[in-house]
């Protein structure tokens, strides 16, 4: 609620905070 996934946006790209599973 206090920190959206969209970190920044410019005229050329959008930056998102992400995570992904790797190992158990």
PDBML (XML) file of the C-alpha atoms, coordinates in Angstrom:
<?xml version="1.0" encoding="UTF-8" ?>
<PDBx:datablock datablockName="MODEL"
   xmlns:PDBx="http://pdbml.pdb.org/schema/pdbx-v50.xsd"
   xmlns:xsi="http://www.w3.org/2001/XMLSchema-instance"
   xsi:schemaLocation="http://pdbml.pdb.org/schema/pdbx-v50.xsd pdbx-v50.xsd">
   <PDBx:atom_siteCategory>
      <PDBx:atom_site id="1">
         <PDBx:B_iso_or_equiv>0.00</PDBx:B_iso_or_equiv>
         <PDBx:Cartn_x>0.000</PDBx:Cartn_x>
         <PDBx:Cartn_y>0.000</PDBx:Cartn_y>
         <PDBx:Cartn_z>0.000</PDBx:Cartn_z>
         <PDBx:auth_asym_id>A</PDBx:auth_asym_id>
         <PDBx:auth_atom_id>CA</PDBx:auth_atom_id>
         <PDBx:auth_comp_id>UNK</PDBx:auth_comp_id>
         <PDBx:auth_seq_id>1</PDBx:auth_seq_id>
         <PDBx:group_PDB>ATOM</PDBx:group_PDB>
         <PDBx:label_alt_id xsi:nil="true" />
         <PDBx:label_asym_id>A</PDBx:label_asym_id>
         <PDBx:label_atom_id>CA</PDBx:label_atom_id>
         <PDBx:label_comp_id>UNK</PDBx:label_comp_id>
         <PDBx:label_entity_id>1</PDBx:label_entity_id>
         <PDBx:label_seq_id>1</PDBx:label_seq_id>
         <PDBx:occupancy>1.00</PDBx:occupancy>
         <PDBx:pdbx_PDB_model_num>1</PDBx:pdbx_PDB_model_num>
         <PDBx:type_symbol>C</PDBx:type_symbol>
      </PDBx:atom_site>
      <PDBx:atom_site id="2">
         <PDBx:B_iso_or_equiv>0.00</PDBx:B_iso_or_equiv>
         <PDBx:Cartn_x>2.872</PDBx:Cartn_x>
         <PDBx:Cartn_y>2.395</PDBx:Cartn_y>
         <PDBx:Cartn_z>0.669</PDBx:Cartn_z>
         <PDBx:auth_asym_id>A</PDBx:auth_asym_id>
         <PDBx:auth_atom_id>CA</PDBx:auth_atom_id>
         <PDBx:auth_comp_id>UNK</PDBx:auth_comp_id>
         <PDBx:auth_seq_id>2</PDBx:auth_seq_id>
         <PDBx:group_PDB>ATOM</PDBx:group_PDB>
         <PDBx:label_alt_id xsi:nil="true" />
         <PDBx:label_asym_id>A</PDBx:label_asym_id>
         <PDBx:label_atom_id>CA</PDBx:label_atom_id>
         <PDBx:label_comp_id>UNK</PDBx:label_comp_id>
         <PDBx:label_entity_id>1</PDBx:label_entity_id>
         <PDBx:label_seq_id>2</PDBx:label_seq_id>
         <PDBx:occupancy>1.00</PDBx:occupancy>
         <PDBx:pdbx_PDB_model_num>1</PDBx:pdbx_PDB_model_num>
         <PDBx:type_symbol>C</PDBx:type_symbol>
      </PDBx:atom_site>
      <PDBx:atom_site id="3">
         <PDBx:B_iso_or_equiv>0.00</PDBx:B_iso_or_equiv>
         <PDBx:Cartn_x>5.134</PDBx:Cartn_x>
         <PDBx:Cartn_y>1.324</PDBx:Cartn_y>
         <PDBx:Cartn_z>-2.220</PDBx:Cartn_z>
         <PDBx:auth_asym_id>A</PDBx:auth_asym_id>
         <PDBx:auth_atom_id>CA</PDBx:auth_atom_id>
         <PDBx:auth_comp_id>UNK</PDBx:auth_comp_id>
         <PDBx:auth_seq_id>3</PDBx:auth_seq_id>
         <PDBx:group_PDB>ATOM</PDBx:group_PDB>
         <PDBx:label_alt_id xsi:nil="true" />
         <PDBx:label_asym_id>A</PDBx:label_asym_id>
         <PDBx:label_atom_id>CA</PDBx:label_atom_id>
         <PDBx:label_comp_id>UNK</PDBx:label_comp_id>
         <PDBx:label_entity_id>1</PDBx:label_entity_id>
         <PDBx:label_seq_id>3</PDBx:label_seq_id>
         <PDBx:occupancy>1.00</PDBx:occupancy>
         <PDBx:pdbx_PDB_model_num>1</PDBx:pdbx_PDB_model_num>
         <PDBx:type_symbol>C</PDBx:type_symbol>
      </PDBx:atom_site>
      <PDBx:atom_site id="4">
         <PDBx:B_iso_or_equiv>0.00</PDBx:B_iso_or_equiv>
         <PDBx:Cartn_x>3.669</PDBx:Cartn_x>
         <PDBx:Cartn_y>0.657</PDBx:Cartn_y>
         <PDBx:Cartn_z>-5.676</PDBx:Cartn_z>
         <PDBx:auth_asym_id>A</PDBx:auth_asym_id>
         <PDBx:auth_atom_id>CA</PDBx:auth_atom_id>
         <PDBx:auth_comp_id>UNK</PDBx:auth_comp_id>
         <PDBx:auth_seq_id>4</PDBx:auth_seq_id>
         <PDBx:group_PDB>ATOM</PDBx:group_PDB>
         <PDBx:label_alt_id xsi:nil="true" />
         <PDBx:label_asym_id>A</PDBx:label_asym_id>
         <PDBx:label_atom_id>CA</PDBx:label_atom_id>
         <PDBx:label_comp_id>UNK</PDBx:label_comp_id>
         <PDBx:label_entity_id>1</PDBx:label_entity_id>
         <PDBx:label_seq_id>4</PDBx:label_seq_id>
         <PDBx:occupancy>1.00</PDBx:occupancy>
         <PDBx:pdbx_PDB_model_num>1</PDBx:pdbx_PDB_model_num>
         <PDBx:type_symbol>C</PDBx:type_symbol>
      </PDBx:atom_site>
      <PDBx:atom_site id="5">
         <PDBx:B_iso_or_equiv>0.00</PDBx:B_iso_or_equiv>
         <PDBx:Cartn_x>5.327</PDBx:Cartn_x>
         <PDBx:Cartn_y>-1.803</PDBx:Cartn_y>
         <PDBx:Cartn_z>-8.054</PDBx:Cartn_z>
         <PDBx:auth_asym_id>A</PDBx:auth_asym_id>
         <PDBx:auth_atom_id>CA</PDBx:auth_atom_id>
         <PDBx:auth_comp_id>UNK</PDBx:auth_comp_id>
         <PDBx:auth_seq_id>5</PDBx:auth_seq_id>
         <PDBx:group_PDB>ATOM</PDBx:group_PDB>
         <PDBx:label_alt_id xsi:nil="true" />
         <PDBx:label_asym_id>A</PDBx:label_asym_id>
         <PDBx:label_atom_id>CA</PDBx:label_atom_id>
         <PDBx:label_comp_id>UNK</PDBx:label_comp_id>
         <PDBx:label_entity_id>1</PDBx:label_entity_id>
         <PDBx:label_seq_id>5</PDBx:label_seq_id>
         <PDBx:occupancy>1.00</PDBx:occupancy>
         <PDBx:pdbx_PDB_model_num>1</PDBx:pdbx_PDB_model_num>
         <PDBx:type_symbol>C</PDBx:type_symbol>
      </PDBx:atom_site>
      <PDBx:atom_site id="6">
         <PDBx:B_iso_or_equiv>0.00</PDBx:B_iso_or_equiv>
         <PDBx:Cartn_x>5.918</PDBx:Cartn_x>
         <PDBx:Cartn_y>0.959</PDBx:Cartn_y>
         <PDBx:Cartn_z>-10.595</PDBx:Cartn_z>
         <PDBx:auth_asym_id>A</PDBx:auth_asym_id>
         <PDBx:auth_atom_id>CA</PDBx:auth_atom_id>
         <PDBx:auth_comp_id>UNK</PDBx:auth_comp_id>
         <PDBx:auth_seq_id>6</PDBx:auth_seq_id>
         <PDBx:group_PDB>ATOM</PDBx:group_PDB>
         <PDBx:label_alt_id xsi:nil="true" />
         <PDBx:label_asym_id>A</PDBx:label_asym_id>
         <PDBx:label_atom_id>CA</PDBx:label_atom_id>
         <PDBx:label_comp_id>UNK</PDBx:label_comp_id>
         <PDBx:label_entity_id>1</PDBx:label_entity_id>
         <PDBx:label_seq_id>6</PDBx:label_seq_id>
         <PDBx:occupancy>1.00</PDBx:occupancy>
         <PDBx:pdbx_PDB_model_num>1</PDBx:pdbx_PDB_model_num>
         <PDBx:type_symbol>C</PDBx:type_symbol>
      </PDBx:atom_site>
      <PDBx:atom_site id="7">
         <PDBx:B_iso_or_equiv>0.00</PDBx:B_iso_or_equiv>
         <PDBx:Cartn_x>9.236</PDBx:Cartn_x>
         <PDBx:Cartn_y>2.462</PDBx:Cartn_y>
         <PDBx:Cartn_z>-9.551</PDBx:Cartn_z>
         <PDBx:auth_asym_id>A</PDBx:auth_asym_id>
         <PDBx:auth_atom_id>CA</PDBx:auth_atom_id>
         <PDBx:auth_comp_id>UNK</PDBx:auth_comp_id>
         <PDBx:auth_seq_id>7</PDBx:auth_seq_id>
         <PDBx:group_PDB>ATOM</PDBx:group_PDB>
         <PDBx:label_alt_id xsi:nil="true" />
         <PDBx:label_asym_id>A</PDBx:label_asym_id>
         <PDBx:label_atom_id>CA</PDBx:label_atom_id>
         <PDBx:label_comp_id>UNK</PDBx:label_comp_id>
         <PDBx:label_entity_id>1</PDBx:label_entity_id>
         <PDBx:label_seq_id>7</PDBx:label_seq_id>
         <PDBx:occupancy>1.00</PDBx:occupancy>
         <PDBx:pdbx_PDB_model_num>1</PDBx:pdbx_PDB_model_num>
         <PDBx:type_symbol>C</PDBx:type_symbol>
      </PDBx:atom_site>
      <PDBx:atom_site id="8">
         <PDBx:B_iso_or_equiv>0.00</PDBx:B_iso_or_equiv>
         <PDBx:Cartn_x>9.588</PDBx:Cartn_x>
         <PDBx:Cartn_y>5.057</PDBx:Cartn_y>
         <PDBx:Cartn_z>-12.301</PDBx:Cartn_z>
         <PDBx:auth_asym_id>A</PDBx:auth_asym_id>
         <PDBx:auth_atom_id>CA</PDBx:auth_atom_id>
         <PDBx:auth_comp_id>UNK</PDBx:auth_comp_id>
         <PDBx:auth_seq_id>8</PDBx:auth_seq_id>
         <PDBx:group_PDB>ATOM</PDBx:group_PDB>
         <PDBx:label_alt_id xsi:nil="true" />
         <PDBx:label_asym_id>A</PDBx:label_asym_id>
         <PDBx:label_atom_id>CA</PDBx:label_atom_id>
         <PDBx:label_comp_id>UNK</PDBx:label_comp_id>
         <PDBx:label_entity_id>1</PDBx:label_entity_id>
         <PDBx:label_seq_id>8</PDBx:label_seq_id>
         <PDBx:occupancy>1.00</PDBx:occupancy>
         <PDBx:pdbx_PDB_model_num>1</PDBx:pdbx_PDB_model_num>
         <PDBx:type_symbol>C</PDBx:type_symbol>
      </PDBx:atom_site>
      <PDBx:atom_site id="9">
         <PDBx:B_iso_or_equiv>0.00</PDBx:B_iso_or_equiv>
         <PDBx:Cartn_x>8.304</PDBx:Cartn_x>
         <PDBx:Cartn_y>6.016</PDBx:Cartn_y>
         <PDBx:Cartn_z>-15.745</PDBx:Cartn_z>
         <PDBx:auth_asym_id>A</PDBx:auth_asym_id>
         <PDBx:auth_atom_id>CA</PDBx:auth_atom_id>
         <PDBx:auth_comp_id>UNK</PDBx:auth_comp_id>
         <PDBx:auth_seq_id>9</PDBx:auth_seq_id>
         <PDBx:group_PDB>ATOM</PDBx:group_PDB>
         <PDBx:label_alt_id xsi:nil="true" />
         <PDBx:label_asym_id>A</PDBx:label_asym_id>
         <PDBx:label_atom_id>CA</PDBx:label_atom_id>
         <PDBx:label_comp_id>UNK</PDBx:label_comp_id>
         <PDBx:label_entity_id>1</PDBx:label_entity_id>
         <PDBx:label_seq_id>9</PDBx:label_seq_id>
         <PDBx:occupancy>1.00</PDBx:occupancy>
         <PDBx:pdbx_PDB_model_num>1</PDBx:pdbx_PDB_model_num>
         <PDBx:type_symbol>C</PDBx:type_symbol>
      </PDBx:atom_site>
      <PDBx:atom_site id="10">
         <PDBx:B_iso_or_equiv>0.00</PDBx:B_iso_or_equiv>
         <PDBx:Cartn_x>9.940</PDBx:Cartn_x>
         <PDBx:Cartn_y>8.073</PDBx:Cartn_y>
         <PDBx:Cartn_z>-18.460</PDBx:Cartn_z>
         <PDBx:auth_asym_id>A</PDBx:auth_asym_id>
         <PDBx:auth_atom_id>CA</PDBx:auth_atom_id>
         <PDBx:auth_comp_id>UNK</PDBx:auth_comp_id>
         <PDBx:auth_seq_id>10</PDBx:auth_seq_id>
         <PDBx:group_PDB>ATOM</PDBx:group_PDB>
         <PDBx:label_alt_id xsi:nil="true" />
         <PDBx:label_asym_id>A</PDBx:label_asym_id>
         <PDBx:label_atom_id>CA</PDBx:label_atom_id>
         <PDBx:label_comp_id>UNK</PDBx:label_comp_id>
         <PDBx:label_entity_id>1</PDBx:label_entity_id>
         <PDBx:label_seq_id>10</PDBx:label_seq_id>
         <PDBx:occupancy>1.00</PDBx:occupancy>
         <PDBx:pdbx_PDB_model_num>1</PDBx:pdbx_PDB_model_num>
         <PDBx:type_symbol>C</PDBx:type_symbol>
      </PDBx:atom_site>
      <PDBx:atom_site id="11">
         <PDBx:B_iso_or_equiv>0.00</PDBx:B_iso_or_equiv>
         <PDBx:Cartn_x>9.055</PDBx:Cartn_x>
         <PDBx:Cartn_y>8.892</PDBx:Cartn_y>
         <PDBx:Cartn_z>-22.049</PDBx:Cartn_z>
         <PDBx:auth_asym_id>A</PDBx:auth_asym_id>
         <PDBx:auth_atom_id>CA</PDBx:auth_atom_id>
         <PDBx:auth_comp_id>UNK</PDBx:auth_comp_id>
         <PDBx:auth_seq_id>11</PDBx:auth_seq_id>
         <PDBx:group_PDB>ATOM</PDBx:group_PDB>
         <PDBx:label_alt_id xsi:nil="true" />
         <PDBx:label_asym_id>A</PDBx:label_asym_id>
         <PDBx:label_atom_id>CA</PDBx:label_atom_id>
         <PDBx:label_comp_id>UNK</PDBx:label_comp_id>
         <PDBx:label_entity_id>1</PDBx:label_entity_id>
         <PDBx:label_seq_id>11</PDBx:label_seq_id>
         <PDBx:occupancy>1.00</PDBx:occupancy>
         <PDBx:pdbx_PDB_model_num>1</PDBx:pdbx_PDB_model_num>
         <PDBx:type_symbol>C</PDBx:type_symbol>
      </PDBx:atom_site>
      <PDBx:atom_site id="12">
         <PDBx:B_iso_or_equiv>0.00</PDBx:B_iso_or_equiv>
         <PDBx:Cartn_x>10.936</PDBx:Cartn_x>
         <PDBx:Cartn_y>5.776</PDBx:Cartn_y>
         <PDBx:Cartn_z>-23.183</PDBx:Cartn_z>
         <PDBx:auth_asym_id>A</PDBx:auth_asym_id>
         <PDBx:auth_atom_id>CA</PDBx:auth_atom_id>
         <PDBx:auth_comp_id>UNK</PDBx:auth_comp_id>
         <PDBx:auth_seq_id>12</PDBx:auth_seq_id>
         <PDBx:group_PDB>ATOM</PDBx:group_PDB>
         <PDBx:label_alt_id xsi:nil="true" />
         <PDBx:label_asym_id>A</PDBx:label_asym_id>
         <PDBx:label_atom_id>CA</PDBx:label_atom_id>
         <PDBx:label_comp_id>UNK</PDBx:label_comp_id>
         <PDBx:label_entity_id>1</PDBx:label_entity_id>
         <PDBx:label_seq_id>12</PDBx:label_seq_id>
         <PDBx:occupancy>1.00</PDBx:occupancy>
         <PDBx:pdbx_PDB_model_num>1</PDBx:pdbx_PDB_model_num>
         <PDBx:type_symbol>C</PDBx:type_symbol>
      </PDBx:atom_site>
      <PDBx:atom_site id="13">
         <PDBx:B_iso_or_equiv>0.00</PDBx:B_iso_or_equiv>
         <PDBx:Cartn_x>10.438</PDBx:Cartn_x>
         <PDBx:Cartn_y>3.052</PDBx:Cartn_y>
         <PDBx:Cartn_z>-20.545</PDBx:Cartn_z>
         <PDBx:auth_asym_id>A</PDBx:auth_asym_id>
         <PDBx:auth_atom_id>CA</PDBx:auth_atom_id>
         <PDBx:auth_comp_id>UNK</PDBx:auth_comp_id>
         <PDBx:auth_seq_id>13</PDBx:auth_seq_id>
         <PDBx:group_PDB>ATOM</PDBx:group_PDB>
         <PDBx:label_alt_id xsi:nil="true" />
         <PDBx:label_asym_id>A</PDBx:label_asym_id>
         <PDBx:label_atom_id>CA</PDBx:label_atom_id>
         <PDBx:label_comp_id>UNK</PDBx:label_comp_id>
         <PDBx:label_entity_id>1</PDBx:label_entity_id>
         <PDBx:label_seq_id>13</PDBx:label_seq_id>
         <PDBx:occupancy>1.00</PDBx:occupancy>
         <PDBx:pdbx_PDB_model_num>1</PDBx:pdbx_PDB_model_num>
         <PDBx:type_symbol>C</PDBx:type_symbol>
      </PDBx:atom_site>
      <PDBx:atom_site id="14">
         <PDBx:B_iso_or_equiv>0.00</PDBx:B_iso_or_equiv>
         <PDBx:Cartn_x>8.710</PDBx:Cartn_x>
         <PDBx:Cartn_y>2.004</PDBx:Cartn_y>
         <PDBx:Cartn_z>-17.330</PDBx:Cartn_z>
         <PDBx:auth_asym_id>A</PDBx:auth_asym_id>
         <PDBx:auth_atom_id>CA</PDBx:auth_atom_id>
         <PDBx:auth_comp_id>UNK</PDBx:auth_comp_id>
         <PDBx:auth_seq_id>14</PDBx:auth_seq_id>
         <PDBx:group_PDB>ATOM</PDBx:group_PDB>
         <PDBx:label_alt_id xsi:nil="true" />
         <PDBx:label_asym_id>A</PDBx:label_asym_id>
         <PDBx:label_atom_id>CA</PDBx:label_atom_id>
         <PDBx:label_comp_id>UNK</PDBx:label_comp_id>
         <PDBx:label_entity_id>1</PDBx:label_entity_id>
         <PDBx:label_seq_id>14</PDBx:label_seq_id>
         <PDBx:occupancy>1.00</PDBx:occupancy>
         <PDBx:pdbx_PDB_model_num>1</PDBx:pdbx_PDB_model_num>
         <PDBx:type_symbol>C</PDBx:type_symbol>
      </PDBx:atom_site>
      <PDBx:atom_site id="15">
         <PDBx:B_iso_or_equiv>0.00</PDBx:B_iso_or_equiv>
         <PDBx:Cartn_x>10.559</PDBx:Cartn_x>
         <PDBx:Cartn_y>0.464</PDBx:Cartn_y>
         <PDBx:Cartn_z>-14.383</PDBx:Cartn_z>
         <PDBx:auth_asym_id>A</PDBx:auth_asym_id>
         <PDBx:auth_atom_id>CA</PDBx:auth_atom_id>
         <PDBx:auth_comp_id>UNK</PDBx:auth_comp_id>
         <PDBx:auth_seq_id>15</PDBx:auth_seq_id>
         <PDBx:group_PDB>ATOM</PDBx:group_PDB>
         <PDBx:label_alt_id xsi:nil="true" />
         <PDBx:label_asym_id>A</PDBx:label_asym_id>
         <PDBx:label_atom_id>CA</PDBx:label_atom_id>
         <PDBx:label_comp_id>UNK</PDBx:label_comp_id>
         <PDBx:label_entity_id>1</PDBx:label_entity_id>
         <PDBx:label_seq_id>15</PDBx:label_seq_id>
         <PDBx:occupancy>1.00</PDBx:occupancy>
         <PDBx:pdbx_PDB_model_num>1</PDBx:pdbx_PDB_model_num>
         <PDBx:type_symbol>C</PDBx:type_symbol>
      </PDBx:atom_site>
      <PDBx:atom_site id="16">
         <PDBx:B_iso_or_equiv>0.00</PDBx:B_iso_or_equiv>
         <PDBx:Cartn_x>8.836</PDBx:Cartn_x>
         <PDBx:Cartn_y>-2.142</PDBx:Cartn_y>
         <PDBx:Cartn_z>-12.212</PDBx:Cartn_z>
         <PDBx:auth_asym_id>A</PDBx:auth_asym_id>
         <PDBx:auth_atom_id>CA</PDBx:auth_atom_id>
         <PDBx:auth_comp_id>UNK</PDBx:auth_comp_id>
         <PDBx:auth_seq_id>16</PDBx:auth_seq_id>
         <PDBx:group_PDB>ATOM</PDBx:group_PDB>
         <PDBx:label_alt_id xsi:nil="true" />
         <PDBx:label_asym_id>A</PDBx:label_asym_id>
         <PDBx:label_atom_id>CA</PDBx:label_atom_id>
         <PDBx:label_comp_id>UNK</PDBx:label_comp_id>
         <PDBx:label_entity_id>1</PDBx:label_entity_id>
         <PDBx:label_seq_id>16</PDBx:label_seq_id>
         <PDBx:occupancy>1.00</PDBx:occupancy>
         <PDBx:pdbx_PDB_model_num>1</PDBx:pdbx_PDB_model_num>
         <PDBx:type_symbol>C</PDBx:type_symbol>
      </PDBx:atom_site>
      <PDBx:atom_site id="17">
         <PDBx:B_iso_or_equiv>0.00</PDBx:B_iso_or_equiv>
         <PDBx:Cartn_x>9.945</PDBx:Cartn_x>
         <PDBx:Cartn_y>-3.795</PDBx:Cartn_y>
         <PDBx:Cartn_z>-8.964</PDBx:Cartn_z>
         <PDBx:auth_asym_id>A</PDBx:auth_asym_id>
         <PDBx:auth_atom_id>CA</PDBx:auth_atom_id>
         <PDBx:auth_comp_id>UNK</PDBx:auth_comp_id>
         <PDBx:auth_seq_id>17</PDBx:auth_seq_id>
         <PDBx:group_PDB>ATOM</PDBx:group_PDB>
         <PDBx:label_alt_id xsi:nil="true" />
         <PDBx:label_asym_id>A</PDBx:label_asym_id>
         <PDBx:label_atom_id>CA</PDBx:label_atom_id>
         <PDBx:label_comp_id>UNK</PDBx:label_comp_id>
         <PDBx:label_entity_id>1</PDBx:label_entity_id>
         <PDBx:label_seq_id>17</PDBx:label_seq_id>
         <PDBx:occupancy>1.00</PDBx:occupancy>
         <PDBx:pdbx_PDB_model_num>1</PDBx:pdbx_PDB_model_num>
         <PDBx:type_symbol>C</PDBx:type_symbol>
      </PDBx:atom_site>
      <PDBx:atom_site id="18">
         <PDBx:B_iso_or_equiv>0.00</PDBx:B_iso_or_equiv>
         <PDBx:Cartn_x>9.790</PDBx:Cartn_x>
         <PDBx:Cartn_y>-7.564</PDBx:Cartn_y>
         <PDBx:Cartn_z>-9.526</PDBx:Cartn_z>
         <PDBx:auth_asym_id>A</PDBx:auth_asym_id>
         <PDBx:auth_atom_id>CA</PDBx:auth_atom_id>
         <PDBx:auth_comp_id>UNK</PDBx:auth_comp_id>
         <PDBx:auth_seq_id>18</PDBx:auth_seq_id>
         <PDBx:group_PDB>ATOM</PDBx:group_PDB>
         <PDBx:label_alt_id xsi:nil="true" />
         <PDBx:label_asym_id>A</PDBx:label_asym_id>
         <PDBx:label_atom_id>CA</PDBx:label_atom_id>
         <PDBx:label_comp_id>UNK</PDBx:label_comp_id>
         <PDBx:label_entity_id>1</PDBx:label_entity_id>
         <PDBx:label_seq_id>18</PDBx:label_seq_id>
         <PDBx:occupancy>1.00</PDBx:occupancy>
         <PDBx:pdbx_PDB_model_num>1</PDBx:pdbx_PDB_model_num>
         <PDBx:type_symbol>C</PDBx:type_symbol>
      </PDBx:atom_site>
      <PDBx:atom_site id="19">
         <PDBx:B_iso_or_equiv>0.00</PDBx:B_iso_or_equiv>
         <PDBx:Cartn_x>10.782</PDBx:Cartn_x>
         <PDBx:Cartn_y>-10.915</PDBx:Cartn_y>
         <PDBx:Cartn_z>-8.044</PDBx:Cartn_z>
         <PDBx:auth_asym_id>A</PDBx:auth_asym_id>
         <PDBx:auth_atom_id>CA</PDBx:auth_atom_id>
         <PDBx:auth_comp_id>UNK</PDBx:auth_comp_id>
         <PDBx:auth_seq_id>19</PDBx:auth_seq_id>
         <PDBx:group_PDB>ATOM</PDBx:group_PDB>
         <PDBx:label_alt_id xsi:nil="true" />
         <PDBx:label_asym_id>A</PDBx:label_asym_id>
         <PDBx:label_atom_id>CA</PDBx:label_atom_id>
         <PDBx:label_comp_id>UNK</PDBx:label_comp_id>
         <PDBx:label_entity_id>1</PDBx:label_entity_id>
         <PDBx:label_seq_id>19</PDBx:label_seq_id>
         <PDBx:occupancy>1.00</PDBx:occupancy>
         <PDBx:pdbx_PDB_model_num>1</PDBx:pdbx_PDB_model_num>
         <PDBx:type_symbol>C</PDBx:type_symbol>
      </PDBx:atom_site>
      <PDBx:atom_site id="20">
         <PDBx:B_iso_or_equiv>0.00</PDBx:B_iso_or_equiv>
         <PDBx:Cartn_x>10.931</PDBx:Cartn_x>
         <PDBx:Cartn_y>-14.440</PDBx:Cartn_y>
         <PDBx:Cartn_z>-9.436</PDBx:Cartn_z>
         <PDBx:auth_asym_id>A</PDBx:auth_asym_id>
         <PDBx:auth_atom_id>CA</PDBx:auth_atom_id>
         <PDBx:auth_comp_id>UNK</PDBx:auth_comp_id>
         <PDBx:auth_seq_id>20</PDBx:auth_seq_id>
         <PDBx:group_PDB>ATOM</PDBx:group_PDB>
         <PDBx:label_alt_id xsi:nil="true" />
         <PDBx:label_asym_id>A</PDBx:label_asym_id>
         <PDBx:label_atom_id>CA</PDBx:label_atom_id>
         <PDBx:label_comp_id>UNK</PDBx:label_comp_id>
         <PDBx:label_entity_id>1</PDBx:label_entity_id>
         <PDBx:label_seq_id>20</PDBx:label_seq_id>
         <PDBx:occupancy>1.00</PDBx:occupancy>
         <PDBx:pdbx_PDB_model_num>1</PDBx:pdbx_PDB_model_num>
         <PDBx:type_symbol>C</PDBx:type_symbol>
      </PDBx:atom_site>
      <PDBx:atom_site id="21">
         <PDBx:B_iso_or_equiv>0.00</PDBx:B_iso_or_equiv>
         <PDBx:Cartn_x>11.386</PDBx:Cartn_x>
         <PDBx:Cartn_y>-17.959</PDBx:Cartn_y>
         <PDBx:Cartn_z>-7.998</PDBx:Cartn_z>
         <PDBx:auth_asym_id>A</PDBx:auth_asym_id>
         <PDBx:auth_atom_id>CA</PDBx:auth_atom_id>
         <PDBx:auth_comp_id>UNK</PDBx:auth_comp_id>
         <PDBx:auth_seq_id>21</PDBx:auth_seq_id>
         <PDBx:group_PDB>ATOM</PDBx:group_PDB>
         <PDBx:label_alt_id xsi:nil="true" />
         <PDBx:label_asym_id>A</PDBx:label_asym_id>
         <PDBx:label_atom_id>CA</PDBx:label_atom_id>
         <PDBx:label_comp_id>UNK</PDBx:label_comp_id>
         <PDBx:label_entity_id>1</PDBx:label_entity_id>
         <PDBx:label_seq_id>21</PDBx:label_seq_id>
         <PDBx:occupancy>1.00</PDBx:occupancy>
         <PDBx:pdbx_PDB_model_num>1</PDBx:pdbx_PDB_model_num>
         <PDBx:type_symbol>C</PDBx:type_symbol>
      </PDBx:atom_site>
      <PDBx:atom_site id="22">
         <PDBx:B_iso_or_equiv>0.00</PDBx:B_iso_or_equiv>
         <PDBx:Cartn_x>14.771</PDBx:Cartn_x>
         <PDBx:Cartn_y>-19.605</PDBx:Cartn_y>
         <PDBx:Cartn_z>-8.518</PDBx:Cartn_z>
         <PDBx:auth_asym_id>A</PDBx:auth_asym_id>
         <PDBx:auth_atom_id>CA</PDBx:auth_atom_id>
         <PDBx:auth_comp_id>UNK</PDBx:auth_comp_id>
         <PDBx:auth_seq_id>22</PDBx:auth_seq_id>
         <PDBx:group_PDB>ATOM</PDBx:group_PDB>
         <PDBx:label_alt_id xsi:nil="true" />
         <PDBx:label_asym_id>A</PDBx:label_asym_id>
         <PDBx:label_atom_id>CA</PDBx:label_atom_id>
         <PDBx:label_comp_id>UNK</PDBx:label_comp_id>
         <PDBx:label_entity_id>1</PDBx:label_entity_id>
         <PDBx:label_seq_id>22</PDBx:label_seq_id>
         <PDBx:occupancy>1.00</PDBx:occupancy>
         <PDBx:pdbx_PDB_model_num>1</PDBx:pdbx_PDB_model_num>
         <PDBx:type_symbol>C</PDBx:type_symbol>
      </PDBx:atom_site>
      <PDBx:atom_site id="23">
         <PDBx:B_iso_or_equiv>0.00</PDBx:B_iso_or_equiv>
         <PDBx:Cartn_x>15.317</PDBx:Cartn_x>
         <PDBx:Cartn_y>-22.591</PDBx:Cartn_y>
         <PDBx:Cartn_z>-6.198</PDBx:Cartn_z>
         <PDBx:auth_asym_id>A</PDBx:auth_asym_id>
         <PDBx:auth_atom_id>CA</PDBx:auth_atom_id>
         <PDBx:auth_comp_id>UNK</PDBx:auth_comp_id>
         <PDBx:auth_seq_id>23</PDBx:auth_seq_id>
         <PDBx:group_PDB>ATOM</PDBx:group_PDB>
         <PDBx:label_alt_id xsi:nil="true" />
         <PDBx:label_asym_id>A</PDBx:label_asym_id>
         <PDBx:label_atom_id>CA</PDBx:label_atom_id>
         <PDBx:label_comp_id>UNK</PDBx:label_comp_id>
         <PDBx:label_entity_id>1</PDBx:label_entity_id>
         <PDBx:label_seq_id>23</PDBx:label_seq_id>
         <PDBx:occupancy>1.00</PDBx:occupancy>
         <PDBx:pdbx_PDB_model_num>1</PDBx:pdbx_PDB_model_num>
         <PDBx:type_symbol>C</PDBx:type_symbol>
      </PDBx:atom_site>
      <PDBx:atom_site id="24">
         <PDBx:B_iso_or_equiv>0.00</PDBx:B_iso_or_equiv>
         <PDBx:Cartn_x>13.317</PDBx:Cartn_x>
         <PDBx:Cartn_y>-23.961</PDBx:Cartn_y>
         <PDBx:Cartn_z>-3.317</PDBx:Cartn_z>
         <PDBx:auth_asym_id>A</PDBx:auth_asym_id>
         <PDBx:auth_atom_id>CA</PDBx:auth_atom_id>
         <PDBx:auth_comp_id>UNK</PDBx:auth_comp_id>
         <PDBx:auth_seq_id>24</PDBx:auth_seq_id>
         <PDBx:group_PDB>ATOM</PDBx:group_PDB>
         <PDBx:label_alt_id xsi:nil="true" />
         <PDBx:label_asym_id>A</PDBx:label_asym_id>
         <PDBx:label_atom_id>CA</PDBx:label_atom_id>
         <PDBx:label_comp_id>UNK</PDBx:label_comp_id>
         <PDBx:label_entity_id>1</PDBx:label_entity_id>
         <PDBx:label_seq_id>24</PDBx:label_seq_id>
         <PDBx:occupancy>1.00</PDBx:occupancy>
         <PDBx:pdbx_PDB_model_num>1</PDBx:pdbx_PDB_model_num>
         <PDBx:type_symbol>C</PDBx:type_symbol>
      </PDBx:atom_site>
   </PDBx:atom_siteCategory>
</PDBx:datablock>
